[in-house]
Each structure stands twice: as C-alpha cells, then as structure tokens.
Protein backbone atom coordinates (compact mmCIF):
# COMPACT_ATOMS: atom_id res chain seq x y z
CA UNK A 1 20.99 -18.91 -28.84
CA UNK A 2 23.63 -20.68 -31.12
CA UNK A 3 23.81 -18.04 -33.30
CA UNK A 4 23.77 -15.04 -30.89
CA UNK A 5 26.59 -16.44 -29.30
CA UNK A 6 28.60 -16.88 -32.52
CA UNK A 7 27.83 -13.19 -33.45
CA UNK A 8 29.36 -12.53 -29.42
CA UNK A 9 32.49 -14.56 -29.37
CA UNK A 10 33.15 -13.08 -33.64
CA UNK A 11 32.73 -9.54 -32.30
CA UNK A 12 35.17 -10.34 -29.41
CA UNK A 13 37.42 -12.01 -31.57
CA UNK A 14 37.31 -9.02 -34.49
CA UNK A 15 37.76 -6.48 -31.30
CA UNK A 16 41.00 -8.41 -30.19
CA UNK A 17 42.39 -9.18 -33.50
CA UNK A 18 42.48 -5.00 -33.92
CA UNK A 19 44.17 -4.61 -31.04
CA UNK A 20 46.37 -6.91 -32.07
CA UNK A 21 47.15 -4.99 -35.10
CA UNK A 22 47.34 -1.65 -33.41
CA UNK A 23 50.18 -2.89 -31.03
CA UNK A 24 52.00 -4.37 -34.05
CA UNK A 25 51.72 -1.39 -36.13
CA UNK A 26 52.96 1.09 -33.25
CA UNK A 27 55.79 -2.25 -32.59
CA UNK A 28 56.77 -1.18 -36.07
CA UNK A 29 56.73 2.56 -36.65
CA UNK A 30 60.06 4.54 -35.78
CA UNK A 31 60.65 6.97 -32.97
CA UNK A 32 58.92 10.18 -33.52
CA UNK A 33 61.40 13.11 -33.83
CA UNK A 34 59.38 15.01 -31.25
CA UNK A 35 59.53 12.08 -28.74
CA UNK A 36 62.69 11.69 -28.90
CA UNK A 37 63.74 15.65 -29.21
CA UNK A 38 61.76 16.13 -25.79
CA UNK A 39 63.03 13.24 -23.86
CA UNK A 40 66.52 14.35 -24.78
CA UNK A 41 65.71 18.51 -23.84
CA UNK A 42 63.88 17.16 -20.68
CA UNK A 43 67.46 15.44 -19.53
CA UNK A 44 69.21 18.13 -19.54
CA UNK A 45 66.52 21.03 -18.51
CA UNK A 46 64.72 18.91 -15.64
CA UNK A 47 68.28 18.04 -13.68
CA UNK A 48 68.56 22.08 -13.24
CA UNK A 49 65.18 22.04 -11.20
CA UNK A 50 65.96 19.57 -8.78
CA UNK A 51 69.29 21.36 -7.42
CA UNK A 52 68.99 23.13 -4.06
C-alpha cells in the first residue's frame, strides 16, 4: 500500500516537473519570426475590415 502511494506521488511529481520544464523552456525562447510577422500584418489588415 505504501509502495503504491509512493509510486503515484512520484509519477505526479514527474508530470509536474515535465510541465514546469516546458514552461521554463518556452519562456526562454525568442519570439518566432512568423508569429511576429503575422501579428504585425494583422494590425494593418484587420483594421481595414472594421471600417464601415
């Protein structure tokens, strides 16, 4: 019974550790060029769609 609980706790902690590692890795990456380009293009193109 104790071994089963220990295994579950270890699996949950490893999942949390992987999720945290993904967050840290994504925060350290620079912005991708196509994301920046699409947001800049949308700023100019999408404004024209809302004009009456």
